PDB file of N, CA and C in Angstrom:
ATOM      1  N   UNK A   1       6.036 -25.076   0.748  1.00  0.00           N
ATOM      2  CA  UNK A   1       6.341 -23.793   0.623  1.00  0.00           C
ATOM      3  C   UNK A   1       7.938 -23.437   0.597  1.00  0.00           C
ATOM      4  N   UNK A   2       8.748 -24.883   1.359  1.00  0.00           N
ATOM      5  CA  UNK A   2       9.949 -24.986   1.159  1.00  0.00           C
ATOM      6  C   UNK A   2      10.588 -25.027  -0.113  1.00  0.00           C
ATOM      7  N   UNK A   3       9.996 -26.011  -1.204  1.00  0.00           N
ATOM      8  CA  UNK A   3      10.017 -25.826  -2.849  1.00  0.00           C
ATOM      9  C   UNK A   3      10.213 -24.354  -2.963  1.00  0.00           C
ATOM     10  N   UNK A   4       9.308 -23.413  -2.431  1.00  0.00           N
ATOM     11  CA  UNK A   4       9.389 -22.413  -3.370  1.00  0.00           C
ATOM     12  C   UNK A   4      10.511 -21.309  -2.939  1.00  0.00           C
ATOM     13  N   UNK A   5      11.190 -21.502  -2.138  1.00  0.00           N
ATOM     14  CA  UNK A   5      12.419 -20.946  -1.471  1.00  0.00           C
ATOM     15  C   UNK A   5      13.568 -20.010  -2.537  1.00  0.00           C
ATOM     16  N   UNK A   6      13.503 -20.809  -3.387  1.00  0.00           N
ATOM     17  CA  UNK A   6      14.785 -20.055  -4.499  1.00  0.00           C
ATOM     18  C   UNK A   6      14.135 -19.473  -5.598  1.00  0.00           C
ATOM     19  N   UNK A   7      12.920 -19.586  -5.655  1.00  0.00           N
ATOM     20  CA  UNK A   7      12.289 -18.594  -6.405  1.00  0.00           C
ATOM     21  C   UNK A   7      11.819 -16.674  -6.399  1.00  0.00           C
ATOM     22  N   UNK A   8      11.850 -15.987  -7.120  1.00  0.00           N
ATOM     23  CA  UNK A   8      12.047 -14.257  -6.572  1.00  0.00           C
ATOM     24  C   UNK A   8      10.639 -14.412  -5.493  1.00  0.00           C
ATOM     25  N   UNK A   9      10.377 -13.678  -4.765  1.00  0.00           N
ATOM     26  CA  UNK A   9       9.054 -13.297  -3.951  1.00  0.00           C
ATOM     27  C   UNK A   9       7.949 -13.098  -4.876  1.00  0.00           C
ATOM     28  N   UNK A  10       8.287 -12.581  -5.913  1.00  0.00           N
ATOM     29  CA  UNK A  10       6.645 -12.019  -6.708  1.00  0.00           C
ATOM     30  C   UNK A  10       6.185 -13.114  -7.525  1.00  0.00           C
ATOM     31  N   UNK A  11       7.048 -14.604  -8.026  1.00  0.00           N
ATOM     32  CA  UNK A  11       7.118 -15.331  -8.606  1.00  0.00           C
ATOM     33  C   UNK A  11       6.114 -16.225  -7.548  1.00  0.00           C
ATOM     34  N   UNK A  12       6.759 -16.185  -6.116  1.00  0.00           N
ATOM     35  CA  UNK A  12       6.492 -17.337  -5.548  1.00  0.00           C
ATOM     36  C   UNK A  12       4.651 -16.743  -4.781  1.00  0.00           C
ATOM     37  N   UNK A  13       4.804 -15.213  -4.970  1.00  0.00           N
ATOM     38  CA  UNK A  13       2.924 -14.438  -4.963  1.00  0.00           C
ATOM     39  C   UNK A  13       2.187 -15.169  -5.745  1.00  0.00           C
ATOM     40  N   UNK A  14       2.501 -15.078  -7.007  1.00  0.00           N
ATOM     41  CA  UNK A  14       1.681 -15.541  -8.295  1.00  0.00           C
ATOM     42  C   UNK A  14       1.403 -17.002  -8.307  1.00  0.00           C
ATOM     43  N   UNK A  15       2.357 -17.715  -7.809  1.00  0.00           N
ATOM     44  CA  UNK A  15       2.040 -19.468  -7.669  1.00  0.00           C
ATOM     45  C   UNK A  15       1.255 -19.217  -6.420  1.00  0.00           C
ATOM     46  N   UNK A  16       1.336 -19.063  -5.603  1.00  0.00           N
ATOM     47  CA  UNK A  16       0.310 -19.016  -4.202  1.00  0.00           C
ATOM     48  C   UNK A  16      -0.842 -18.530  -4.407  1.00  0.00           C
ATOM     49  N   UNK A  17      -1.036 -17.411  -5.193  1.00  0.00           N
ATOM     50  CA  UNK A  17      -2.187 -16.812  -5.677  1.00  0.00           C
ATOM     51  C   UNK A  17      -3.081 -17.637  -6.788  1.00  0.00           C
ATOM     52  N   UNK A  18      -2.378 -18.134  -7.529  1.00  0.00           N
ATOM     53  CA  UNK A  18      -2.871 -19.443  -8.562  1.00  0.00           C
ATOM     54  C   UNK A  18      -3.843 -20.313  -7.840  1.00  0.00           C
ATOM     55  N   UNK A  19      -2.811 -20.668  -7.010  1.00  0.00           N
ATOM     56  CA  UNK A  19      -2.911 -22.165  -6.239  1.00  0.00           C
ATOM     57  C   UNK A  19      -4.402 -22.095  -5.396  1.00  0.00           C
ATOM     58  N   UNK A  20      -4.506 -21.080  -4.548  1.00  0.00           N
ATOM     59  CA  UNK A  20      -5.538 -20.977  -3.568  1.00  0.00           C
ATOM     60  C   UNK A  20      -7.033 -20.445  -4.299  1.00  0.00           C
ATOM     61  N   UNK A  21      -8.307 -21.193  -4.279  1.00  0.00           N
ATOM     62  CA  UNK A  21      -8.988 -20.084  -4.781  1.00  0.00           C
ATOM     63  C   UNK A  21      -9.880 -19.327  -4.299  1.00  0.00           C
ATOM     64  N   UNK A  22      -9.385 -19.409  -2.913  1.00  0.00           N
ATOM     65  CA  UNK A  22     -10.158 -18.194  -2.274  1.00  0.00           C
ATOM     66  C   UNK A  22      -9.343 -16.897  -2.235  1.00  0.00           C
ATOM     67  N   UNK A  23      -8.776 -16.578  -3.114  1.00  0.00           N
ATOM     68  CA  UNK A  23      -8.143 -15.112  -3.531  1.00  0.00           C
ATOM     69  C   UNK A  23      -8.789 -14.904  -4.403  1.00  0.00           C
ATOM     70  N   UNK A  24      -8.920 -12.695  -3.952  1.00  0.00           N
ATOM     71  CA  UNK A  24      -9.807 -12.536  -5.188  1.00  0.00           C
ATOM     72  C   UNK A  24      -8.979 -12.106  -6.225  1.00  0.00           C
ATOM     73  N   UNK A  25      -9.761 -11.491  -7.101  1.00  0.00           N
ATOM     74  CA  UNK A  25      -9.077 -10.633  -8.317  1.00  0.00           C
ATOM     75  C   UNK A  25      -8.372 -10.043  -8.092  1.00  0.00           C
ATOM     76  N   UNK A  26      -8.298  -9.126  -7.218  1.00  0.00           N
ATOM     77  CA  UNK A  26      -7.819  -7.912  -6.660  1.00  0.00           C
ATOM     78  C   UNK A  26      -6.279  -8.092  -6.128  1.00  0.00           C
ATOM     79  N   UNK A  27      -6.513  -9.105  -5.691  1.00  0.00           N
ATOM     80  CA  UNK A  27      -4.918  -9.758  -4.771  1.00  0.00           C
ATOM     81  C   UNK A  27      -4.334 -10.029  -5.684  1.00  0.00           C
ATOM     82  N   UNK A  28      -4.921 -10.540  -6.848  1.00  0.00           N
ATOM     83  CA  UNK A  28      -4.151 -11.150  -8.057  1.00  0.00           C
ATOM     84  C   UNK A  28      -3.489 -10.297  -9.066  1.00  0.00           C
ATOM     85  N   UNK A  29      -4.615  -9.163  -9.140  1.00  0.00           N
ATOM     86  CA  UNK A  29      -3.966  -7.703  -9.767  1.00  0.00           C
ATOM     87  C   UNK A  29      -2.495  -7.640  -8.882  1.00  0.00           C
ATOM     88  N   UNK A  30      -2.808  -7.292  -7.430  1.00  0.00           N
ATOM     89  CA  UNK A  30      -1.717  -7.316  -6.609  1.00  0.00           C
ATOM     90  C   UNK A  30      -0.743  -8.171  -6.582  1.00  0.00           C
ATOM     91  N   UNK A  31      -0.731  -9.478  -6.237  1.00  0.00           N
ATOM     92  CA  UNK A  31       0.558 -10.007  -6.765  1.00  0.00           C
ATOM     93  C   UNK A  31       1.408 -10.090  -8.542  1.00  0.00           C
ATOM     94  N   UNK A  32       0.439  -9.817  -9.362  1.00  0.00           N
ATOM     95  CA  UNK A  32       1.196  -9.745 -10.215  1.00  0.00           C
ATOM     96  C   UNK A  32       1.849  -8.179 -10.916  1.00  0.00           C
ATOM     97  N   UNK A  33       1.822  -6.888  -9.670  1.00  0.00           N
ATOM     98  CA  UNK A  33       2.612  -5.895  -9.912  1.00  0.00           C
ATOM     99  C   UNK A  33       1.415  -4.855 -10.431  1.00  0.00           C
ATOM    100  N   UNK A  34       0.251  -5.284 -11.109  1.00  0.00           N
ATOM    101  CA  UNK A  34      -0.334  -4.275 -11.945  1.00  0.00           C
ATOM    102  C   UNK A  34      -1.243  -3.378 -10.858  1.00  0.00           C
ATOM    103  N   UNK A  35      -1.419  -3.556  -9.775  1.00  0.00           N
ATOM    104  CA  UNK A  35      -1.954  -2.220  -8.666  1.00  0.00           C
ATOM    105  C   UNK A  35      -0.780  -1.295  -8.668  1.00  0.00           C
ATOM    106  N   UNK A  36      -1.830  -0.027  -8.350  1.00  0.00           N
ATOM    107  CA  UNK A  36      -1.309   0.840  -8.437  1.00  0.00           C
ATOM    108  C   UNK A  36      -0.995   1.879  -6.408  1.00  0.00           C
ATOM    109  N   UNK A  37       0.547   1.676  -6.533  1.00  0.00           N
ATOM    110  CA  UNK A  37       0.561   2.159  -4.980  1.00  0.00           C
ATOM    111  C   UNK A  37       1.292   3.806  -4.685  1.00  0.00           C
ATOM    112  N   UNK A  38       0.352   4.289  -3.635  1.00  0.00           N
ATOM    113  CA  UNK A  38       0.170   5.798  -3.504  1.00  0.00           C
ATOM    114  C   UNK A  38       1.116   6.114  -1.787  1.00  0.00           C
ATOM    115  N   UNK A  39       1.827   6.736  -1.942  1.00  0.00           N
ATOM    116  CA  UNK A  39       2.651   7.260  -0.819  1.00  0.00           C
ATOM    117  C   UNK A  39       1.727   8.242  -0.277  1.00  0.00           C
ATOM    118  N   UNK A  40       1.634   8.021   1.520  1.00  0.00           N
ATOM    119  CA  UNK A  40       0.769   9.209   1.775  1.00  0.00           C
ATOM    120  C   UNK A  40       1.827   9.540   3.006  1.00  0.00           C
ATOM    121  N   UNK A  41       1.922  11.087   3.317  1.00  0.00           N
ATOM    122  CA  UNK A  41       2.811  11.712   4.722  1.00  0.00           C
ATOM    123  C   UNK A  41       1.353  12.696   5.090  1.00  0.00           C
ATOM    124  N   UNK A  42       2.057  12.980   6.361  1.00  0.00           N
ATOM    125  CA  UNK A  42       0.954  13.887   7.044  1.00  0.00           C
ATOM    126  C   UNK A  42       0.296  13.222   8.015  1.00  0.00           C
ATOM    127  N   UNK A  43       0.119  11.799   7.617  1.00  0.00           N
ATOM    128  CA  UNK A  43      -0.755  10.915   8.792  1.00  0.00           C
ATOM    129  C   UNK A  43      -0.998  11.641   9.972  1.00  0.00           C
ATOM    130  N   UNK A  44      -1.817  11.547  10.584  1.00  0.00           N
ATOM    131  CA  UNK A  44      -2.687  12.085  12.359  1.00  0.00           C
ATOM    132  C   UNK A  44      -1.628  10.672  12.872  1.00  0.00           C
ATOM    133  N   UNK A  45      -1.257  10.890  13.959  1.00  0.00           N
ATOM    134  CA  UNK A  45      -0.141   9.552  14.803  1.00  0.00           C
ATOM    135  C   UNK A  45      -1.584   8.769  15.405  1.00  0.00           C
ATOM    136  N   UNK A  46      -2.876   9.144  15.221  1.00  0.00           N
ATOM    137  CA  UNK A  46      -3.930   8.302  15.488  1.00  0.00           C
ATOM    138  C   UNK A  46      -4.543   7.517  14.416  1.00  0.00           C
ATOM    139  N   UNK A  47      -4.285   7.717  13.382  1.00  0.00           N
ATOM    140  CA  UNK A  47      -4.541   7.031  12.087  1.00  0.00           C
ATOM    141  C   UNK A  47      -4.023   5.707  12.548  1.00  0.00           C
ATOM    142  N   UNK A  48      -5.735   4.749  12.265  1.00  0.00           N
ATOM    143  CA  UNK A  48      -5.031   3.285  11.530  1.00  0.00           C
ATOM    144  C   UNK A  48      -4.993   2.467  10.373  1.00  0.00           C
ATOM    145  N   UNK A  49      -4.628   1.254  10.131  1.00  0.00           N
ATOM    146  CA  UNK A  49      -4.831   1.120   8.796  1.00  0.00           C
ATOM    147  C   UNK A  49      -6.078   0.948   8.434  1.00  0.00           C
ATOM    148  N   UNK A  50      -6.847   0.816   9.298  1.00  0.00           N
ATOM    149  CA  UNK A  50      -8.151   0.414   8.886  1.00  0.00           C
ATOM    150  C   UNK A  50      -9.088   2.034   8.700  1.00  0.00           C
ATOM    151  N   UNK A  51      -8.562   2.539   9.248  1.00  0.00           N
ATOM    152  CA  UNK A  51      -9.295   4.300   8.801  1.00  0.00           C
ATOM    153  C   UNK A  51      -8.518   4.671   7.795  1.00  0.00           C
ATOM    154  N   UNK A  52      -7.412   4.661   7.183  1.00  0.00           N
ATOM    155  CA  UNK A  52      -6.920   5.350   6.277  1.00  0.00           C
ATOM    156  C   UNK A  52      -7.900   4.144   4.750  1.00  0.00           C
ATOM    157  N   UNK A  53      -7.730   3.122   5.374  1.00  0.00           N
ATOM    158  CA  UNK A  53      -8.418   1.995   3.979  1.00  0.00           C
ATOM    159  C   UNK A  53      -9.483   2.447   3.689  1.00  0.00           C
ATOM    160  N   UNK A  54     -10.644   2.770   4.638  1.00  0.00           N
ATOM    161  CA  UNK A  54     -12.437   3.488   4.584  1.00  0.00           C
ATOM    162  C   UNK A  54     -11.705   5.062   4.316  1.00  0.00           C
ATOM    163  N   UNK A  55     -10.676   5.731   3.921  1.00  0.00           N
ATOM    164  CA  UNK A  55     -10.850   7.117   3.590  1.00  0.00           C
ATOM    165  C   UNK A  55     -10.447   7.195   2.157  1.00  0.00           C
ATOM    166  N   UNK A  56      -9.787   6.493   1.763  1.00  0.00           N
ATOM    167  CA  UNK A  56      -9.248   5.667   0.057  1.00  0.00           C
ATOM    168  C   UNK A  56     -10.427   5.313  -0.193  1.00  0.00           C
ATOM    169  N   UNK A  57     -11.356   4.146   0.456  1.00  0.00           N
ATOM    170  CA  UNK A  57     -11.992   3.250  -0.164  1.00  0.00           C
ATOM    171  C   UNK A  57     -13.098   3.774  -1.378  1.00  0.00           C
ATOM    172  N   UNK A  58     -13.555   5.409  -1.118  1.00  0.00           N
ATOM    173  CA  UNK A  58     -14.194   5.962  -1.869  1.00  0.00           C
ATOM    174  C   UNK A  58     -13.945   6.440  -3.063  1.00  0.00           C
ATOM    175  N   UNK A  59     -12.896   5.646  -3.505  1.00  0.00           N
ATOM    176  CA  UNK A  59     -12.115   6.698  -5.086  1.00  0.00           C
ATOM    177  C   UNK A  59     -12.261   4.919  -5.843  1.00  0.00           C
ATOM    178  N   UNK A  60     -12.148   3.798  -4.586  1.00  0.00           N
ATOM    179  CA  UNK A  60     -11.837   2.332  -5.780  1.00  0.00           C
ATOM    180  C   UNK A  60     -11.535   1.328  -4.737  1.00  0.00           C
ATOM    181  N   UNK A  61     -11.117   0.222  -5.487  1.00  0.00           N
ATOM    182  CA  UNK A  61     -10.787  -0.592  -4.138  1.00  0.00           C
ATOM    183  C   UNK A  61      -9.506  -0.437  -3.662  1.00  0.00           C
ATOM    184  N   UNK A  62      -9.510  -0.903  -2.318  1.00  0.00           N
ATOM    185  CA  UNK A  62      -8.082  -0.365  -1.590  1.00  0.00           C
ATOM    186  C   UNK A  62      -7.650  -1.818  -1.398  1.00  0.00           C
ATOM    187  N   UNK A  63      -6.651  -2.504  -1.716  1.00  0.00           N
ATOM    188  CA  UNK A  63      -5.892  -3.803  -1.715  1.00  0.00           C
ATOM    189  C   UNK A  63      -5.171  -3.522  -0.299  1.00  0.00           C
ATOM    190  N   UNK A  64      -4.591  -2.247   0.001  1.00  0.00           N
ATOM    191  CA  UNK A  64      -3.686  -2.824   1.213  1.00  0.00           C
ATOM    192  C   UNK A  64      -3.721  -1.424   1.429  1.00  0.00           C
ATOM    193  N   UNK A  65      -3.640  -1.074   3.257  1.00  0.00           N
ATOM    194  CA  UNK A  65      -3.118   0.359   3.820  1.00  0.00           C
ATOM    195  C   UNK A  65      -2.505  -0.064   4.679  1.00  0.00           C
ATOM    196  N   UNK A  66      -1.362   0.952   4.378  1.00  0.00           N
ATOM    197  CA  UNK A  66      -0.115   0.262   5.327  1.00  0.00           C
ATOM    198  C   UNK A  66       0.228   1.209   5.712  1.00  0.00           C
ATOM    199  N   UNK A  67       0.590   1.508   7.060  1.00  0.00           N
ATOM    200  CA  UNK A  67       0.780   2.665   8.173  1.00  0.00           C
ATOM    201  C   UNK A  67       2.575   2.264   8.867  1.00  0.00           C
ATOM    202  N   UNK A  68       3.662   2.880   8.291  1.00  0.00           N
ATOM    203  CA  UNK A  68       5.056   2.533   8.598  1.00  0.00           C
ATOM    204  C   UNK A  68       5.496   2.923  10.650  1.00  0.00           C
ATOM    205  N   UNK A  69       5.659   1.966  10.820  1.00  0.00           N
ATOM    206  CA  UNK A  69       6.203   1.914  12.785  1.00  0.00           C
ATOM    207  C   UNK A  69       6.887   2.108  13.019  1.00  0.00           C
ATOM    208  N   UNK A  70       7.598   3.098  14.160  1.00  0.00           N
ATOM    209  CA  UNK A  70       9.024   2.736  14.487  1.00  0.00           C
ATOM    210  C   UNK A  70       8.965   1.058  15.152  1.00  0.00           C
ATOM    211  N   UNK A  71       9.955   0.372  14.451  1.00  0.00           N
ATOM    212  CA  UNK A  71      10.486  -1.066  15.070  1.00  0.00           C
ATOM    213  C   UNK A  71      10.240  -1.254  16.446  1.00  0.00           C
ATOM    214  N   UNK A  72      11.020  -0.116  17.120  1.00  0.00           N
ATOM    215  CA  UNK A  72      10.644  -0.118  18.981  1.00  0.00           C
ATOM    216  C   UNK A  72       9.350  -0.009  19.274  1.00  0.00           C
ATOM    217  N   UNK A  73       9.206   1.761  19.121  1.00  0.00           N
ATOM    218  CA  UNK A  73       8.188   1.603  19.672  1.00  0.00           C
ATOM    219  C   UNK A  73       6.891   1.098  19.100  1.00  0.00           C
ATOM    220  N   UNK A  74       6.653   1.171  18.117  1.00  0.00           N
ATOM    221  CA  UNK A  74       5.907   0.764  17.367  1.00  0.00           C
ATOM    222  C   UNK A  74       4.766   1.793  16.918  1.00  0.00           C
ATOM    223  N   UNK A  75       5.478   2.774  17.489  1.00  0.00           N
ATOM    224  CA  UNK A  75       4.279   4.147  17.066  1.00  0.00           C
ATOM    225  C   UNK A  75       4.436   4.689  15.524  1.00  0.00           C
ATOM    226  N   UNK A  76       3.611   4.967  14.968  1.00  0.00           N
ATOM    227  CA  UNK A  76       3.382   5.592  13.734  1.00  0.00           C
ATOM    228  C   UNK A  76       4.221   6.962  13.381  1.00  0.00           C
ATOM    229  N   UNK A  77       5.311   6.814  12.198  1.00  0.00           N
ATOM    230  CA  UNK A  77       5.963   7.501  11.586  1.00  0.00           C
ATOM    231  C   UNK A  77       5.458   8.617  10.877  1.00  0.00           C
ATOM    232  N   UNK A  78       4.282   8.626  10.595  1.00  0.00           N
ATOM    233  CA  UNK A  78       3.180   9.787  10.052  1.00  0.00           C
ATOM    234  C   UNK A  78       3.143   9.568   8.676  1.00  0.00           C
ATOM    235  N   UNK A  79       3.529   8.153   8.092  1.00  0.00           N
ATOM    236  CA  UNK A  79       3.393   8.230   6.682  1.00  0.00           C
ATOM    237  C   UNK A  79       3.034   6.617   6.099  1.00  0.00           C
ATOM    238  N   UNK A  80       2.474   6.618   5.283  1.00  0.00           N
ATOM    239  CA  UNK A  80       2.077   5.174   4.909  1.00  0.00           C
ATOM    240  C   UNK A  80       1.772   5.049   3.147  1.00  0.00           C
ATOM    241  N   UNK A  81       1.355   3.660   2.880  1.00  0.00           N
ATOM    242  CA  UNK A  81       0.819   3.472   1.655  1.00  0.00           C
ATOM    243  C   UNK A  81      -0.295   2.828   1.461  1.00  0.00           C
ATOM    244  N   UNK A  82      -0.978   3.215   0.007  1.00  0.00           N
ATOM    245  CA  UNK A  82      -2.548   2.531   0.079  1.00  0.00           C
ATOM    246  C   UNK A  82      -2.403   1.853  -1.183  1.00  0.00           C
ATOM    247  N   UNK A  83      -2.441   0.565  -1.546  1.00  0.00           N
ATOM    248  CA  UNK A  83      -2.701   0.467  -3.008  1.00  0.00           C
ATOM    249  C   UNK A  83      -3.965  -0.040  -3.356  1.00  0.00           C
ATOM    250  N   UNK A  84      -4.044   0.561  -4.604  1.00  0.00           N
ATOM    251  CA  UNK A  84      -5.553   0.367  -5.497  1.00  0.00           C
ATOM    252  C   UNK A  84      -5.510  -0.983  -6.216  1.00  0.00           C
ATOM    253  N   UNK A  85      -6.470  -1.541  -6.858  1.00  0.00           N
ATOM    254  CA  UNK A  85      -6.478  -2.553  -7.939  1.00  0.00           C
ATOM    255  C   UNK A  85      -6.287  -1.993  -9.497  1.00  0.00           C
ATOM    256  N   UNK A  86      -6.569  -0.510  -9.436  1.00  0.00           N
ATOM    257  CA  UNK A  86      -6.749   0.192 -10.531  1.00  0.00           C
ATOM    258  C   UNK A  86      -5.688   1.813 -10.434  1.00  0.00           C
ATOM    259  N   UNK A  87      -4.701   1.738 -11.579  1.00  0.00           N
ATOM    260  CA  UNK A  87      -4.428   2.789 -11.658  1.00  0.00           C
ATOM    261  C   UNK A  87      -4.870   4.066 -11.851  1.00  0.00           C
ATOM    262  N   UNK A  88      -6.061   4.229 -12.335  1.00  0.00           N
ATOM    263  CA  UNK A  88      -7.094   5.429 -12.245  1.00  0.00           C
ATOM    264  C   UNK A  88      -8.141   5.803 -11.028  1.00  0.00           C
ATOM    265  N   UNK A  89      -7.805   5.053 -10.421  1.00  0.00           N
ATOM    266  CA  UNK A  89      -8.581   4.855  -8.924  1.00  0.00           C
ATOM    267  C   UNK A  89      -7.488   5.591  -8.196  1.00  0.00           C
ATOM    268  N   UNK A  90      -6.368   5.084  -7.881  1.00  0.00           N
ATOM    269  CA  UNK A  90      -5.311   5.858  -7.525  1.00  0.00           C
ATOM    270  C   UNK A  90      -4.877   7.251  -7.939  1.00  0.00           C
ATOM    271  N   UNK A  91      -4.929   7.130  -9.386  1.00  0.00           N
ATOM    272  CA  UNK A  91      -4.873   8.686  -9.871  1.00  0.00           C
ATOM    273  C   UNK A  91      -5.732   9.878  -9.624  1.00  0.00           C
ATOM    274  N   UNK A  92      -7.281   9.184  -9.294  1.00  0.00           N
ATOM    275  CA  UNK A  92      -8.219  10.012  -8.559  1.00  0.00           C
ATOM    276  C   UNK A  92      -8.200  10.273  -7.401  1.00  0.00           C
ATOM    277  N   UNK A  93      -7.567   9.065  -6.609  1.00  0.00           N
ATOM    278  CA  UNK A  93      -7.476   9.481  -5.082  1.00  0.00           C
ATOM    279  C   UNK A  93      -6.354  10.467  -4.542  1.00  0.00           C
ATOM    280  N   UNK A  94      -4.698  10.332  -5.721  1.00  0.00           N
ATOM    281  CA  UNK A  94      -4.036  11.439  -5.201  1.00  0.00           C
ATOM    282  C   UNK A  94      -4.844  12.674  -5.669  1.00  0.00           C
ATOM    283  N   UNK A  95      -5.442  12.994  -6.976  1.00  0.00           N
ATOM    284  CA  UNK A  95      -5.911  14.402  -7.414  1.00  0.00           C
ATOM    285  C   UNK A  95      -6.999  14.892  -6.473  1.00  0.00           C
ATOM    286  N   UNK A  96      -7.671  14.067  -5.373  1.00  0.00           N
ATOM    287  CA  UNK A  96      -9.006  14.334  -4.634  1.00  0.00           C
ATOM    288  C   UNK A  96      -8.234  14.398  -3.182  1.00  0.00           C
ATOM    289  N   UNK A  97      -7.533  13.557  -3.156  1.00  0.00           N
ATOM    290  CA  UNK A  97      -7.019  13.994  -1.315  1.00  0.00           C
ATOM    291  C   UNK A  97      -5.788  14.997  -1.063  1.00  0.00           C
ATOM    292  N   UNK A  98      -5.247  14.990  -2.203  1.00  0.00           N
ATOM    293  CA  UNK A  98      -3.626  15.700  -1.451  1.00  0.00           C
ATOM    294  C   UNK A  98      -4.249  16.934  -1.402  1.00  0.00           C
ATOM    295  N   UNK A  99      -3.558  17.173   0.232  1.00  0.00           N
ATOM    296  CA  UNK A  99      -3.839  18.217   0.781  1.00  0.00           C
ATOM    297  C   UNK A  99      -5.183  18.685   1.199  1.00  0.00           C
ATOM    298  N   UNK A 100      -5.978  17.640   1.564  1.00  0.00           N
ATOM    299  CA  UNK A 100      -7.022  17.427   2.511  1.00  0.00           C
ATOM    300  C   UNK A 100      -6.598  16.970   3.754  1.00  0.00           C
ATOM    301  N   UNK A 101      -7.056  17.614   4.802  1.00  0.00           N
ATOM    302  CA  UNK A 101      -7.170  17.144   5.932  1.00  0.00           C
ATOM    303  C   UNK A 101      -7.896  15.733   6.319  1.00  0.00           C
ATOM    304  N   UNK A 102      -7.218  14.867   6.997  1.00  0.00           N
ATOM    305  CA  UNK A 102      -7.583  13.533   7.392  1.00  0.00           C
ATOM    306  C   UNK A 102      -6.714  13.815   8.905  1.00  0.00           C
ATOM    307  N   UNK A 103      -8.488  13.033   9.823  1.00  0.00           N
ATOM    308  CA  UNK A 103      -8.174  12.980  11.225  1.00  0.00           C
ATOM    309  C   UNK A 103      -7.863  14.238  11.497  1.00  0.00           C
ATOM    310  N   UNK A 104      -7.529  15.927  11.198  1.00  0.00           N
ATOM    311  CA  UNK A 104      -7.186  16.845  11.803  1.00  0.00           C
ATOM    312  C   UNK A 104      -5.889  17.119  11.192  1.00  0.00           C
ATOM    313  N   UNK A 105      -5.133  16.239  10.232  1.00  0.00           N
ATOM    314  CA  UNK A 105      -4.107  17.092   9.776  1.00  0.00           C
ATOM    315  C   UNK A 105      -4.086  17.080   8.009  1.00  0.00           C
ATOM    316  N   UNK A 106      -3.258  17.848   7.536  1.00  0.00           N
ATOM    317  CA  UNK A 106      -3.183  17.504   6.235  1.00  0.00           C
ATOM    318  C   UNK A 106      -2.132  16.757   5.724  1.00  0.00           C
ATOM    319  N   UNK A 107      -2.712  16.106   4.890  1.00  0.00           N
ATOM    320  CA  UNK A 107      -1.973  14.305   4.474  1.00  0.00           C
ATOM    321  C   UNK A 107      -1.659  15.063   2.786  1.00  0.00           C
ATOM    322  N   UNK A 108      -0.302  14.693   2.262  1.00  0.00           N
ATOM    323  CA  UNK A 108      -0.219  14.602   1.108  1.00  0.00           C
ATOM    324  C   UNK A 108       0.043  13.478   0.184  1.00  0.00           C
ATOM    325  N   UNK A 109      -0.124  13.323  -1.051  1.00  0.00           N
ATOM    326  CA  UNK A 109      -0.497  12.364  -1.003  1.00  0.00           C
ATOM    327  C   UNK A 109       0.515  12.141  -2.925  1.00  0.00           C
ATOM    328  N   UNK A 110       1.201  11.197  -2.944  1.00  0.00           N
ATOM    329  CA  UNK A 110       2.059  11.047  -4.148  1.00  0.00           C
ATOM    330  C   UNK A 110       2.351   9.751  -4.649  1.00  0.00           C
ATOM    331  N   UNK A 111       2.883   9.631  -5.879  1.00  0.00           N
ATOM    332  CA  UNK A 111       2.986   8.300  -6.537  1.00  0.00           C
ATOM    333  C   UNK A 111       3.911   7.568  -5.813  1.00  0.00           C
ATOM    334  N   UNK A 112       3.986   6.349  -5.556  1.00  0.00           N
ATOM    335  CA  UNK A 112       5.381   5.652  -5.372  1.00  0.00           C
ATOM    336  C   UNK A 112       6.672   5.702  -6.358  1.00  0.00           C
ATOM    337  N   UNK A 113       7.833   6.147  -6.037  1.00  0.00           N
ATOM    338  CA  UNK A 113       8.940   5.929  -6.606  1.00  0.00           C
ATOM    339  C   UNK A 113       9.576   4.804  -6.334  1.00  0.00           C
ATOM    340  N   UNK A 114       9.925   4.171  -7.759  1.00  0.00           N
ATOM    341  CA  UNK A 114      10.994   3.537  -7.455  1.00  0.00           C
ATOM    342  C   UNK A 114      12.234   3.286  -6.717  1.00  0.00           C
ATOM    343  N   UNK A 115      12.561   2.374  -5.728  1.00  0.00           N
ATOM    344  CA  UNK A 115      13.741   2.396  -4.724  1.00  0.00           C
ATOM    345  C   UNK A 115      14.753   3.198  -5.191  1.00  0.00           C
ATOM    346  N   UNK A 116      15.562   3.757  -4.638  1.00  0.00           N
ATOM    347  CA  UNK A 116      16.760   4.369  -5.718  1.00  0.00           C
ATOM    348  C   UNK A 116      18.068   3.513  -4.653  1.00  0.00           C
ATOM    349  N   UNK A 117      19.202   3.808  -5.077  1.00  0.00           N
ATOM    350  CA  UNK A 117      20.563   3.458  -4.880  1.00  0.00           C
ATOM    351  C   UNK A 117      20.852   3.471  -3.035  1.00  0.00           C
ATOM    352  N   UNK A 118      21.792   3.580  -2.849  1.00  0.00           N
ATOM    353  CA  UNK A 118      21.578   4.066  -1.296  1.00  0.00           C
ATOM    354  C   UNK A 118      22.755   2.899  -0.352  1.00  0.00           C
ATOM    355  N   UNK A 119      22.421   2.961   0.831  1.00  0.00           N
ATOM    356  CA  UNK A 119      23.497   2.284   1.284  1.00  0.00           C
ATOM    357  C   UNK A 119      21.885   1.055   1.636  1.00  0.00           C
ATOM    358  N   UNK A 120      22.585  -0.446   1.625  1.00  0.00           N
ATOM    359  CA  UNK A 120      21.743  -1.500   1.630  1.00  0.00           C
ATOM    360  C   UNK A 120      21.934  -1.764   3.003  1.00  0.00           C
ATOM    361  N   UNK A 121      20.053  -2.246   3.882  1.00  0.00           N
ATOM    362  CA  UNK A 121      20.278  -2.432   5.361  1.00  0.00           C
ATOM    363  C   UNK A 121      21.054  -3.728   5.280  1.00  0.00           C
ATOM    364  N   UNK A 122      21.298  -3.753   6.825  1.00  0.00           N
ATOM    365  CA  UNK A 122      21.784  -5.552   7.166  1.00  0.00           C
ATOM    366  C   UNK A 122      21.081  -6.470   7.740  1.00  0.00           C
TER     367      UNK A 122
END
């Protein structure tokens, strides 16, 4: 791993993915950036990453479900991300789940937008 320090993060992921025979095809898609990621807001504070993945898995293979948490309290901030292996699965989930009630709260689903400028964190 020390030999990979100078390489970009995405290139490291591709090397690691190819060098490990236990990685699935979905992990390979994810490491290459082919996967499609959705932004989910309005999540219940009792939602877990597992329940989020289960909710969205009916639309396709979920590679990752991530709920964003406060750094200090570790409480959910009420939004997260779901990554699918295929773009069409993500679009189907977006159309079907936007505005639906999940764990007692309506959730709003959108495509992830590229990061814009702004003030860099230290």
